[in-house]
Amino acid sequence: MVKLIKESSFWIAILVTFICAMAGTLLANLPYFSIIGALVIALVLGMLVQVSPKVVESSKKGTGFISNKFLRLGIILLGFKLNLIALANAGVKTILLAIIIVTLTIWGVYSLARKFGVDSDLAILVASGTGICGAAAVMGISPQIQVPEDRQEQKREDEVMAIAVVAILGTVFTFIEIGLKPLLHLTPTQFGVMAGGSLHEIAHAVATGGSGGPVSLDTAIITKLSRVLLLAPAALIIGFWHRHRMNKAGDEDHGVKGKLPIPWFMAGFVLASVIGTFLPLGANVLDLLVKLAYIFLGMAMAALGMSVNFKVILKRGGAPFSAAIIGSVVLLAFTIGAAKMFF
């Protein structure tokens, strides 16, 4: 690591990805762009950097470090966004709904994707992004999918593919749900539950919930954050599942047998939420920490975008999109029903 920091590749990568992350943050404050979200914008900007192959090549080692280490740091800091007391006050119904949504969506979208011929690794990333919290979930689950060195490039392509799927579908369903609002005859609380329970990114839930007023917005955020909270246990469970699956298949190249795939950075995510909830840090400090989280995550996303192979993504995109579309429609129908019956 010390040797890498001394190399120009590291500092070029830092500069380029930081610019992409900051630009993504600024653009996300603008109308319409706010629905897409800062992380996805940073990813797209990273892709655009590929118009300069010289920059991409000269920063290659640094981008690999950023997409790995900065990702973990960003997810840890994202934990400060979770107020555990607010989640507890939301009631057992909200937490239980989040558990059901995350569990059934991951299982359903994964099963559909596999039936459509999608590789297992890509299928679980798409399913996790759809079920939990979009791009952040894809990047949080990805370290649990261990692959040999010669498959690292394919893994990065899987990450970008999964992020693209949840980003595009989440944006489309944001407009669909806003358009459906006058037809569904939901109360503000019910509309917020629907938005927070069905949409992929936090930005999507905020945009949709906000269209229903302050009560709807608060409910959408709480419901969505209930799903975000499940990122840590989901990463742990998926890690064990993936290791068991590889060992059962006798594929030792995926890792060392017996080594527990415990995502330790997720412990930092949970610890950050505990600190942010119970220590008097102040709203300004918490807001700063969350902004830092999105900068680090944005840099990781930009680094990922700089390494994407567009031809492969276009070739492999149809099946995961199909599975995620069906899963998203079923998820929306389920959350509308649950909102009407229980909230």
Protein backbone atom coordinates (compact mmCIF):
# COMPACT_ATOMS: atom_id res chain seq x y z
CA MET A 1 0.00 0.00 0.00
CA VAL A 2 2.83 2.42 0.90
CA LYS A 3 4.52 1.64 -2.42
CA LEU A 4 1.28 2.30 -4.28
CA ILE A 5 0.80 5.69 -2.61
CA LYS A 6 4.25 6.74 -3.87
CA GLU A 7 3.27 5.92 -7.47
CA SER A 8 1.81 8.53 -9.79
CA SER A 9 -0.95 6.07 -10.75
CA PHE A 10 -2.45 6.42 -7.28
CA TRP A 11 -2.59 10.21 -7.31
CA ILE A 12 -3.90 10.41 -10.87
CA ALA A 13 -6.66 7.98 -9.90
CA ILE A 14 -7.41 9.98 -6.73
CA LEU A 15 -7.71 13.21 -8.70
CA VAL A 16 -9.83 11.82 -11.54
CA THR A 17 -12.24 9.85 -9.33
CA PHE A 18 -12.54 12.74 -6.85
CA ILE A 19 -13.54 15.09 -9.67
CA CYS A 20 -16.14 12.55 -10.86
CA ALA A 21 -17.49 12.09 -7.33
CA MET A 22 -17.77 15.82 -6.65
CA ALA A 23 -19.37 16.44 -10.03
CA GLY A 24 -21.84 13.64 -9.30
CA THR A 25 -22.70 15.20 -5.93
CA LEU A 26 -23.25 18.63 -7.47
CA LEU A 27 -25.31 17.33 -10.38
CA ALA A 28 -27.45 15.24 -8.01
CA ASN A 29 -28.70 18.50 -6.46
CA LEU A 30 -30.22 19.59 -9.77
CA PRO A 31 -33.80 18.82 -10.86
CA TYR A 32 -34.20 15.43 -12.59
CA PHE A 33 -30.58 14.50 -11.85
CA SER A 34 -31.58 14.07 -8.19
CA ILE A 35 -33.69 11.06 -9.18
CA ILE A 36 -30.65 9.35 -10.68
CA GLY A 37 -28.48 9.93 -7.61
CA ALA A 38 -24.88 10.97 -7.03
CA LEU A 39 -23.42 7.45 -7.12
CA VAL A 40 -24.83 6.48 -10.49
CA ILE A 41 -23.83 9.86 -11.96
CA ALA A 42 -20.26 9.31 -10.70
CA LEU A 43 -20.27 5.86 -12.34
CA VAL A 44 -21.37 7.35 -15.68
CA LEU A 45 -18.73 10.09 -15.44
CA GLY A 46 -16.12 7.42 -14.78
CA MET A 47 -17.24 5.65 -17.94
CA LEU A 48 -16.87 8.89 -19.89
CA VAL A 49 -13.24 9.14 -18.75
CA GLN A 50 -12.59 6.22 -21.10
CA VAL A 51 -12.58 8.68 -24.01
CA SER A 52 -9.00 9.29 -22.82
CA PRO A 53 -7.30 5.84 -22.81
CA LYS A 54 -4.06 7.46 -21.65
CA VAL A 55 -5.66 8.67 -18.40
CA VAL A 56 -7.29 5.29 -17.78
CA GLU A 57 -4.08 3.38 -18.36
CA SER A 58 -1.90 5.73 -16.27
CA SER A 59 -4.27 5.42 -13.29
CA LYS A 60 -5.04 1.70 -13.56
CA LYS A 61 -3.34 0.56 -10.33
CA GLY A 62 -4.83 3.41 -8.36
CA THR A 63 -8.38 2.81 -9.57
CA GLY A 64 -8.16 -0.80 -8.42
CA PHE A 65 -7.24 0.35 -4.92
CA ILE A 66 -9.97 3.00 -4.83
CA SER A 67 -12.75 0.70 -6.05
CA ASN A 68 -11.83 -1.70 -3.24
CA LYS A 69 -10.72 0.26 -0.16
CA PHE A 70 -12.64 3.49 -0.66
CA LEU A 71 -15.77 1.44 -1.23
CA ARG A 72 -15.48 -0.13 2.22
CA LEU A 73 -14.74 3.20 3.87
CA GLY A 74 -17.74 4.79 2.18
CA ILE A 75 -20.10 2.02 3.30
CA ILE A 76 -18.84 2.34 6.89
CA LEU A 77 -19.50 6.09 6.87
CA LEU A 78 -22.91 5.51 5.29
CA GLY A 79 -23.88 3.86 8.57
CA PHE A 80 -24.13 7.31 10.18
CA LYS A 81 -27.22 7.88 8.02
CA LEU A 82 -29.11 5.19 9.94
CA ASN A 83 -30.89 6.36 13.08
CA LEU A 84 -31.71 3.18 14.96
CA ILE A 85 -34.17 4.92 17.29
CA ALA A 86 -36.17 6.25 14.34
CA LEU A 87 -36.21 2.76 12.85
CA ALA A 88 -37.36 1.29 16.16
CA ASN A 89 -40.08 3.92 16.47
CA ALA A 90 -41.32 2.98 13.02
CA GLY A 91 -42.60 -0.20 14.59
CA VAL A 92 -42.35 -3.92 14.12
CA LYS A 93 -44.52 -3.76 11.00
CA THR A 94 -42.00 -1.66 9.09
CA ILE A 95 -39.00 -3.80 10.07
CA LEU A 96 -40.90 -7.01 9.33
CA LEU A 97 -41.99 -5.65 5.94
CA ALA A 98 -38.36 -4.79 5.12
CA ILE A 99 -37.21 -8.31 6.03
CA ILE A 100 -39.91 -9.89 3.86
CA ILE A 101 -39.17 -7.55 0.94
CA VAL A 102 -35.40 -8.07 1.02
CA THR A 103 -35.62 -11.84 1.46
CA LEU A 104 -38.28 -12.53 -1.18
CA THR A 105 -36.89 -10.04 -3.71
CA ILE A 106 -33.35 -11.39 -3.54
CA TRP A 107 -34.58 -14.97 -3.79
CA GLY A 108 -37.10 -14.19 -6.54
CA VAL A 109 -34.90 -12.06 -8.79
CA TYR A 110 -31.95 -14.45 -8.35
CA SER A 111 -34.12 -17.46 -9.28
CA LEU A 112 -35.55 -15.67 -12.32
CA ALA A 113 -32.13 -14.52 -13.48
CA ARG A 114 -30.75 -18.04 -13.23
CA LYS A 115 -33.70 -19.39 -15.25
CA PHE A 116 -32.90 -16.78 -17.90
CA GLY A 117 -29.32 -18.07 -18.07
CA VAL A 118 -27.57 -15.33 -16.06
CA ASP A 119 -24.32 -16.28 -14.31
CA SER A 120 -24.75 -16.90 -10.59
CA ASP A 121 -22.45 -14.04 -9.52
CA LEU A 122 -24.21 -11.46 -11.67
CA ALA A 123 -27.62 -12.82 -10.68
CA ILE A 124 -27.01 -12.36 -6.94
CA LEU A 125 -25.65 -8.83 -7.46
CA VAL A 126 -28.71 -7.78 -9.48
CA ALA A 127 -31.00 -9.42 -6.93
CA SER A 128 -29.26 -7.69 -4.01
CA GLY A 129 -29.38 -4.28 -5.67
CA THR A 130 -33.09 -4.72 -6.40
CA GLY A 131 -33.94 -6.00 -2.94
CA ILE A 132 -31.83 -3.80 -0.65
CA CYS A 133 -30.58 -0.39 -1.73
CA GLY A 134 -29.44 -0.21 -5.33
CA ALA A 135 -25.83 0.61 -6.21
CA ALA A 136 -24.63 0.70 -2.59
CA ALA A 137 -25.99 -2.82 -2.06
CA VAL A 138 -24.30 -4.12 -5.21
CA MET A 139 -20.98 -2.72 -4.03
CA GLY A 140 -21.55 -3.92 -0.48
CA ILE A 141 -22.38 -7.48 -1.52
CA SER A 142 -19.71 -7.72 -4.23
CA PRO A 143 -16.73 -8.28 -1.85
CA GLN A 144 -18.51 -11.42 -0.65
CA ILE A 145 -18.38 -12.86 -4.17
CA GLN A 146 -14.82 -14.11 -4.24
CA VAL A 147 -13.30 -14.99 -7.60
CA PRO A 148 -9.77 -15.93 -8.77
CA GLU A 149 -7.47 -13.29 -10.20
CA ASP A 150 -8.18 -14.17 -13.83
CA ARG A 151 -11.89 -13.43 -13.31
CA GLN A 152 -11.52 -10.04 -11.64
CA GLU A 153 -12.26 -8.18 -14.88
CA GLN A 154 -15.48 -10.14 -15.36
CA LYS A 155 -16.42 -9.39 -11.75
CA ARG A 156 -16.06 -5.64 -12.37
CA GLU A 157 -18.24 -6.02 -15.45
CA ASP A 158 -20.83 -7.82 -13.31
CA GLU A 159 -20.77 -4.97 -10.80
CA VAL A 160 -21.33 -2.33 -13.47
CA MET A 161 -24.04 -4.42 -15.11
CA ALA A 162 -25.91 -4.87 -11.83
CA ILE A 163 -25.62 -1.17 -10.98
CA ALA A 164 -26.87 -0.21 -14.44
CA VAL A 165 -29.89 -2.51 -14.08
CA VAL A 166 -31.01 -1.18 -10.69
CA ALA A 167 -30.25 2.44 -11.58
CA ILE A 168 -32.24 2.41 -14.83
CA LEU A 169 -35.18 0.40 -13.45
CA GLY A 170 -35.26 2.42 -10.23
CA THR A 171 -35.47 5.65 -12.21
CA VAL A 172 -38.20 4.27 -14.51
CA PHE A 173 -40.25 2.99 -11.57
CA THR A 174 -39.87 6.34 -9.81
CA PHE A 175 -41.81 8.01 -12.62
CA ILE A 176 -44.28 5.11 -12.77
CA GLU A 177 -45.09 5.35 -9.07
CA ILE A 178 -45.45 9.13 -9.14
CA GLY A 179 -47.80 8.71 -12.10
CA LEU A 180 -49.82 6.02 -10.31
CA LYS A 181 -50.25 8.13 -7.17
CA PRO A 182 -53.68 9.64 -8.02
CA LEU A 183 -54.98 6.26 -9.20
CA LEU A 184 -54.07 4.22 -6.12
CA HIS A 185 -55.99 6.26 -3.50
CA LEU A 186 -53.33 5.68 -0.85
CA THR A 187 -52.95 7.74 2.32
CA PRO A 188 -49.67 9.71 2.63
CA THR A 189 -48.33 7.03 5.00
CA GLN A 190 -49.30 4.21 2.65
CA PHE A 191 -47.76 6.00 -0.33
CA GLY A 192 -44.54 6.45 1.63
CA VAL A 193 -44.47 2.75 2.54
CA MET A 194 -44.95 1.86 -1.12
CA ALA A 195 -42.13 4.18 -2.25
CA GLY A 196 -39.66 3.12 0.44
CA GLY A 197 -40.54 -0.54 0.13
CA SER A 198 -40.41 -0.89 -3.66
CA LEU A 199 -37.81 1.50 -5.07
CA HIS A 200 -34.15 0.64 -5.40
CA GLU A 201 -32.02 3.69 -4.53
CA ILE A 202 -32.51 6.00 -1.55
CA ALA A 203 -32.68 8.85 -4.08
CA HIS A 204 -35.61 7.12 -5.81
CA ALA A 205 -37.52 6.68 -2.54
CA VAL A 206 -36.90 10.32 -1.55
CA ALA A 207 -38.03 11.66 -4.93
CA THR A 208 -41.21 9.58 -4.95
CA GLY A 209 -42.05 10.00 -1.28
CA GLY A 210 -41.49 13.75 -1.52
CA SER A 211 -44.16 14.00 -4.22
CA GLY A 212 -46.74 12.90 -1.63
CA GLY A 213 -45.90 15.52 1.00
CA PRO A 214 -43.88 15.58 4.25
CA VAL A 215 -45.62 12.60 5.91
CA SER A 216 -45.13 10.49 2.81
CA LEU A 217 -41.48 11.57 2.54
CA ASP A 218 -40.66 10.70 6.17
CA THR A 219 -42.38 7.32 5.83
CA ALA A 220 -40.58 6.55 2.57
CA ILE A 221 -37.18 7.34 4.13
CA ILE A 222 -37.82 5.23 7.23
CA THR A 223 -39.11 2.30 5.18
CA LYS A 224 -36.16 2.54 2.80
CA LEU A 225 -33.61 2.78 5.62
CA SER A 226 -35.15 -0.31 7.19
CA ARG A 227 -34.09 -2.14 4.04
CA VAL A 228 -30.65 -0.48 4.09
CA LEU A 229 -30.12 -1.76 7.63
CA LEU A 230 -30.41 -5.30 6.28
CA LEU A 231 -27.36 -4.80 4.05
CA ALA A 232 -25.01 -6.07 6.77
CA PRO A 233 -26.82 -9.35 7.59
CA ALA A 234 -27.57 -9.92 3.90
CA ALA A 235 -23.86 -9.58 3.05
CA LEU A 236 -22.97 -12.08 5.77
CA ILE A 237 -25.59 -14.61 4.66
CA ILE A 238 -24.76 -14.27 0.96
CA GLY A 239 -21.06 -14.66 1.76
CA PHE A 240 -21.66 -17.96 3.55
CA TRP A 241 -24.03 -19.10 0.81
CA HIS A 242 -21.53 -18.30 -1.93
CA ARG A 243 -18.68 -20.04 -0.13
CA HIS A 244 -20.82 -23.12 0.55
CA ARG A 245 -21.94 -23.22 -3.08
CA MET A 246 -18.38 -23.01 -4.38
CA ASN A 247 -17.08 -25.62 -1.95
CA LYS A 248 -19.95 -27.96 -2.78
CA ALA A 249 -19.14 -27.60 -6.47
CA GLY A 250 -15.48 -28.27 -5.73
CA ASP A 251 -14.45 -24.90 -7.16
CA GLU A 252 -11.49 -24.17 -4.91
CA ASP A 253 -10.33 -21.31 -7.10
CA HIS A 254 -12.98 -19.11 -5.54
CA GLY A 255 -11.26 -19.00 -2.23
CA VAL A 256 -9.78 -20.96 0.65
CA LYS A 257 -12.03 -23.60 2.08
CA GLY A 258 -12.97 -23.03 5.67
CA LYS A 259 -12.24 -19.32 5.63
CA LEU A 260 -15.31 -17.46 6.93
CA PRO A 261 -16.51 -14.82 4.48
CA ILE A 262 -17.26 -12.27 7.20
CA PRO A 263 -17.54 -8.73 5.81
CA TRP A 264 -15.74 -6.90 8.63
CA PHE A 265 -16.38 -3.51 7.06
CA MET A 266 -20.08 -4.21 7.61
CA ALA A 267 -19.35 -4.32 11.34
CA GLY A 268 -18.06 -0.77 10.91
CA PHE A 269 -21.29 0.10 9.11
CA VAL A 270 -23.36 -1.13 12.07
CA LEU A 271 -21.01 0.52 14.60
CA ALA A 272 -21.30 3.84 12.75
CA SER A 273 -25.10 3.63 12.96
CA VAL A 274 -24.86 2.96 16.71
CA ILE A 275 -22.50 5.92 17.21
CA GLY A 276 -24.63 8.21 15.08
CA THR A 277 -27.76 7.21 16.99
CA PHE A 278 -26.58 7.30 20.60
CA LEU A 279 -23.65 9.75 20.77
CA PRO A 280 -24.36 13.52 20.68
CA LEU A 281 -22.40 14.25 17.51
CA GLY A 282 -24.82 16.89 16.31
CA ALA A 283 -26.76 17.15 13.05
CA ASN A 284 -23.98 19.08 11.26
CA VAL A 285 -21.34 16.46 12.04
CA LEU A 286 -23.60 13.59 10.98
CA ASP A 287 -24.44 15.41 7.77
CA LEU A 288 -20.73 15.91 7.05
CA LEU A 289 -19.96 12.22 7.66
CA VAL A 290 -22.74 11.15 5.31
CA LYS A 291 -21.47 13.58 2.64
CA LEU A 292 -17.99 12.08 3.03
CA ALA A 293 -19.54 8.63 2.63
CA TYR A 294 -21.02 9.62 -0.72
CA ILE A 295 -17.72 11.15 -1.84
CA PHE A 296 -15.79 7.94 -1.10
CA LEU A 297 -18.53 5.79 -2.63
CA GLY A 298 -18.66 8.12 -5.63
CA MET A 299 -14.90 7.76 -6.12
CA ALA A 300 -15.25 3.97 -5.95
CA MET A 301 -18.06 4.09 -8.51
CA ALA A 302 -16.04 6.35 -10.82
CA ALA A 303 -13.07 3.98 -10.57
CA LEU A 304 -15.39 1.13 -11.49
CA GLY A 305 -16.74 3.06 -14.46
CA MET A 306 -13.22 3.66 -15.74
CA SER A 307 -12.68 -0.09 -16.12
CA VAL A 308 -15.99 -1.16 -17.68
CA ASN A 309 -16.11 -3.09 -20.96
CA PHE A 310 -19.09 -1.67 -22.86
CA LYS A 311 -19.24 -4.43 -25.48
CA VAL A 312 -19.59 -7.14 -22.85
CA ILE A 313 -22.30 -5.23 -20.98
CA LEU A 314 -24.37 -4.71 -24.13
CA LYS A 315 -24.00 -8.38 -25.00
CA ARG A 316 -24.99 -9.71 -21.57
CA GLY A 317 -27.56 -7.13 -20.48
CA GLY A 318 -30.84 -8.55 -21.76
CA ALA A 319 -31.39 -11.43 -19.34
CA PRO A 320 -30.58 -9.62 -16.06
CA PHE A 321 -32.76 -6.68 -17.13
CA SER A 322 -35.65 -9.04 -17.85
CA ALA A 323 -35.36 -10.73 -14.46
CA ALA A 324 -35.12 -7.40 -12.63
CA ILE A 325 -38.10 -5.92 -14.51
CA ILE A 326 -40.35 -8.84 -13.55
CA GLY A 327 -39.05 -8.73 -9.97
CA SER A 328 -39.64 -4.97 -9.73
CA VAL A 329 -43.22 -5.27 -11.00
CA VAL A 330 -44.01 -8.01 -8.49
CA LEU A 331 -42.31 -6.02 -5.72
CA LEU A 332 -44.39 -2.93 -6.53
CA ALA A 333 -47.63 -4.91 -6.52
CA PHE A 334 -46.69 -6.55 -3.21
CA THR A 335 -45.82 -3.26 -1.49
CA ILE A 336 -49.05 -1.61 -2.68
CA GLY A 337 -51.03 -4.50 -1.20
CA ALA A 338 -49.04 -4.52 2.05
CA ALA A 339 -49.36 -0.73 2.41
CA LYS A 340 -53.14 -0.86 1.98
CA MET A 341 -53.64 -3.82 4.33
CA PHE A 342 -51.28 -3.03 7.20
CA PHE A 343 -50.49 0.72 7.23
